[in-house]
C-alpha atoms as a PDB file:
ATOM      1  CA  MET A   1      84.766 112.284 137.744  1.00  0.00           C
ATOM      2  CA  ASP A   2      83.118 114.055 134.862  1.00  0.00           C
ATOM      3  CA  MET A   3      82.579 111.953 131.721  1.00  0.00           C
ATOM      4  CA  GLN A   4      83.787 114.765 129.466  1.00  0.00           C
ATOM      5  CA  MET A   5      87.056 114.921 131.387  1.00  0.00           C
ATOM      6  CA  LEU A   6      87.472 111.159 131.043  1.00  0.00           C
ATOM      7  CA  TYR A   7      86.732 111.354 127.318  1.00  0.00           C
ATOM      8  CA  ASN A   8      89.250 114.177 126.833  1.00  0.00           C
ATOM      9  CA  GLY A   9      91.920 112.315 128.795  1.00  0.00           C
ATOM     10  CA  THR A  10      91.369 109.177 126.754  1.00  0.00           C
ATOM     11  CA  SER A  11      91.493 111.143 123.496  1.00  0.00           C
ATOM     12  CA  TRP A  12      94.793 112.773 124.461  1.00  0.00           C
ATOM     13  CA  PHE A  13      96.224 109.397 125.462  1.00  0.00           C
ATOM     14  CA  ILE A  14      95.259 107.810 122.136  1.00  0.00           C
ATOM     15  CA  TRP A  15      96.588 110.815 120.231  1.00  0.00           C
ATOM     16  CA  GLY A  16      99.883 110.517 122.154  1.00  0.00           C
ATOM     17  CA  ILE A  17     100.220 106.835 121.281  1.00  0.00           C
ATOM     18  CA  PHE A  18      99.439 107.515 117.608  1.00  0.00           C
ATOM     19  CA  THR A  19     102.006 110.328 117.581  1.00  0.00           C
ATOM     20  CA  LEU A  20     104.687 108.118 119.128  1.00  0.00           C
ATOM     21  CA  ILE A  21     104.056 105.321 116.629  1.00  0.00           C
ATOM     22  CA  GLY A  22     103.986 107.889 113.795  1.00  0.00           C
ATOM     23  CA  ILE A  23     107.403 109.170 114.862  1.00  0.00           C
ATOM     24  CA  PHE A  24     108.696 105.598 114.702  1.00  0.00           C
ATOM     25  CA  GLY A  25     107.229 105.440 111.202  1.00  0.00           C
ATOM     26  CA  PHE A  26     109.302 108.459 110.149  1.00  0.00           C
ATOM     27  CA  ILE A  27     112.402 106.997 111.810  1.00  0.00           C
ATOM     28  CA  GLY A  28     111.778 103.728 109.958  1.00  0.00           C
ATOM     29  CA  ALA A  29     111.405 105.654 106.692  1.00  0.00           C
ATOM     30  CA  PHE A  30     114.773 107.316 107.295  1.00  0.00           C
ATOM     31  CA  LEU A  31     116.411 103.981 108.075  1.00  0.00           C
ATOM     32  CA  ALA A  32     114.852 102.361 105.019  1.00  0.00           C
ATOM     33  CA  ALA A  33     115.977 105.274 102.838  1.00  0.00           C
ATOM     34  CA  THR A  34     119.567 104.890 104.023  1.00  0.00           C
ATOM     35  CA  THR A  35     119.610 101.117 103.498  1.00  0.00           C
ATOM     36  CA  ARG A  36     121.057  99.596 100.335  1.00  0.00           C
ATOM     37  CA  GLU A  37     118.511  98.832  97.619  1.00  0.00           C
ATOM     38  CA  ASP A  38     119.792  95.310  96.999  1.00  0.00           C
ATOM     39  CA  ALA A  39     119.194  94.306 100.633  1.00  0.00           C
ATOM     40  CA  PHE A  40     115.446  94.533 100.025  1.00  0.00           C
ATOM     41  CA  GLU A  41     115.761  92.409  96.906  1.00  0.00           C
ATOM     42  CA  VAL A  42     117.818  89.753  98.713  1.00  0.00           C
ATOM     43  CA  ALA A  43     115.260  89.718 101.535  1.00  0.00           C
ATOM     44  CA  ASP A  44     112.521  89.220  98.906  1.00  0.00           C
ATOM     45  CA  ARG A  45     110.649  92.314 100.098  1.00  0.00           C
ATOM     46  CA  GLN A  46     109.065  95.269  98.367  1.00  0.00           C
ATOM     47  CA  LYS A  47     111.453  97.794  96.854  1.00  0.00           C
ATOM     48  CA  LYS A  48     113.142 100.330  99.082  1.00  0.00           C
ATOM     49  CA  LEU A  49     111.115 103.292  97.801  1.00  0.00           C
ATOM     50  CA  VAL A  50     107.856 101.423  98.378  1.00  0.00           C
ATOM     51  CA  TRP A  51     108.764 100.895 102.037  1.00  0.00           C
ATOM     52  CA  VAL A  52     109.879 104.500 102.433  1.00  0.00           C
ATOM     53  CA  ALA A  53     106.611 105.741 100.918  1.00  0.00           C
ATOM     54  CA  MET A  54     104.475 103.405 103.058  1.00  0.00           C
ATOM     55  CA  LEU A  55     106.261 104.425 106.250  1.00  0.00           C
ATOM     56  CA  ILE A  56     106.043 108.157 105.494  1.00  0.00           C
ATOM     57  CA  ALA A  57     102.350 107.851 104.608  1.00  0.00           C
ATOM     58  CA  SER A  58     101.696 105.833 107.770  1.00  0.00           C
ATOM     59  CA  GLY A  59     103.493 108.359 109.949  1.00  0.00           C
ATOM     60  CA  PHE A  60     101.587 111.202 108.303  1.00  0.00           C
ATOM     61  CA  VAL A  61      98.238 109.469 108.807  1.00  0.00           C
ATOM     62  CA  LEU A  62      98.960 108.730 112.453  1.00  0.00           C
ATOM     63  CA  ILE A  63     100.228 112.189 113.350  1.00  0.00           C
ATOM     64  CA  VAL A  64      98.069 114.450 111.205  1.00  0.00           C
ATOM     65  CA  LEU A  65      94.786 112.589 110.686  1.00  0.00           C
ATOM     66  CA  GLY A  66      94.789 110.629 113.936  1.00  0.00           C
ATOM     67  CA  THR A  67      91.335 109.249 114.640  1.00  0.00           C
ATOM     68  CA  ALA A  68      89.572 111.311 111.939  1.00  0.00           C
ATOM     69  CA  VAL A  69      89.404 108.334 109.552  1.00  0.00           C
ATOM     70  CA  PRO A  70      88.807 105.228 111.674  1.00  0.00           C
ATOM     71  CA  ILE A  71      90.609 102.497 109.662  1.00  0.00           C
ATOM     72  CA  LEU A  72      93.668 104.339 108.316  1.00  0.00           C
ATOM     73  CA  PRO A  73      95.549 104.682 111.636  1.00  0.00           C
ATOM     74  CA  TRP A  74      95.265 100.948 112.226  1.00  0.00           C
ATOM     75  CA  VAL A  75      96.598 100.199 108.759  1.00  0.00           C
ATOM     76  CA  GLY A  76      99.494 102.570 109.476  1.00  0.00           C
ATOM     77  CA  ILE A  77     100.213 100.909 112.815  1.00  0.00           C
ATOM     78  CA  VAL A  78     100.279  97.477 111.162  1.00  0.00           C
ATOM     79  CA  LEU A  79     102.624  98.674 108.376  1.00  0.00           C
ATOM     80  CA  ILE A  80     105.008 100.290 110.846  1.00  0.00           C
ATOM     81  CA  GLY A  81     104.924  97.152 113.005  1.00  0.00           C
ATOM     82  CA  ILE A  82     105.654  94.909 110.036  1.00  0.00           C
ATOM     83  CA  TYR A  83     108.648  97.043 109.127  1.00  0.00           C
ATOM     84  CA  TRP A  84     110.098  97.180 112.648  1.00  0.00           C
ATOM     85  CA  PHE A  85     109.443  93.583 113.682  1.00  0.00           C
ATOM     86  CA  ASP A  86     109.799  91.672 110.422  1.00  0.00           C
ATOM     87  CA  VAL A  87     111.486  93.577 107.596  1.00  0.00           C
ATOM     88  CA  ARG A  88     114.101  95.564 109.527  1.00  0.00           C
ATOM     89  CA  PRO A  89     115.524  92.603 111.501  1.00  0.00           C
ATOM     90  CA  GLN A  90     115.760  90.488 108.343  1.00  0.00           C
ATOM     91  CA  ILE A  91     117.515  93.220 106.368  1.00  0.00           C
ATOM     92  CA  LYS A  92     119.798  93.994 109.304  1.00  0.00           C
ATOM     93  CA  GLY A  93     120.762  90.306 109.472  1.00  0.00           C
ATOM     94  CA  ILE A  94     121.482  90.234 105.748  1.00  0.00           C
ATOM     95  CA  LEU A  95     123.651  93.335 105.931  1.00  0.00           C
ATOM     96  CA  GLU A  96     125.576  91.980 108.926  1.00  0.00           C
ATOM     97  CA  GLY A  97     126.171  88.654 107.182  1.00  0.00           C
ATOM     98  CA  ALA A  98     124.152  86.505 109.586  1.00  0.00           C
ATOM     99  CA  GLY A  99     122.754  84.245 106.906  1.00  0.00           C
ATOM    100  CA  GLY A 100     122.019  80.943 108.611  1.00  0.00           C
ATOM    101  CA  TRP A 101     123.126  77.604 107.130  1.00  0.00           C
END
């Protein structure tokens, strides 16, 4: 197997993963934009517009810039992960009334 072919295949694979995560960033931005503002305050999180801006910027960095700037995609991946695995479930629980105690 030619090394250039392996390098190109790996680059396309990484670009595909970044694109998929970037799409989830845009989906998260849409969901955050359609969520009530007070849910973020009750959850003691950043304001709604801050999350929307961070998710849109992260999606843009992942899809457009890709691996051009080495650290920015990883920051975007972490921000999108924090939203999907920490912020979104907490806000969803608050809006559904699952408050513990």
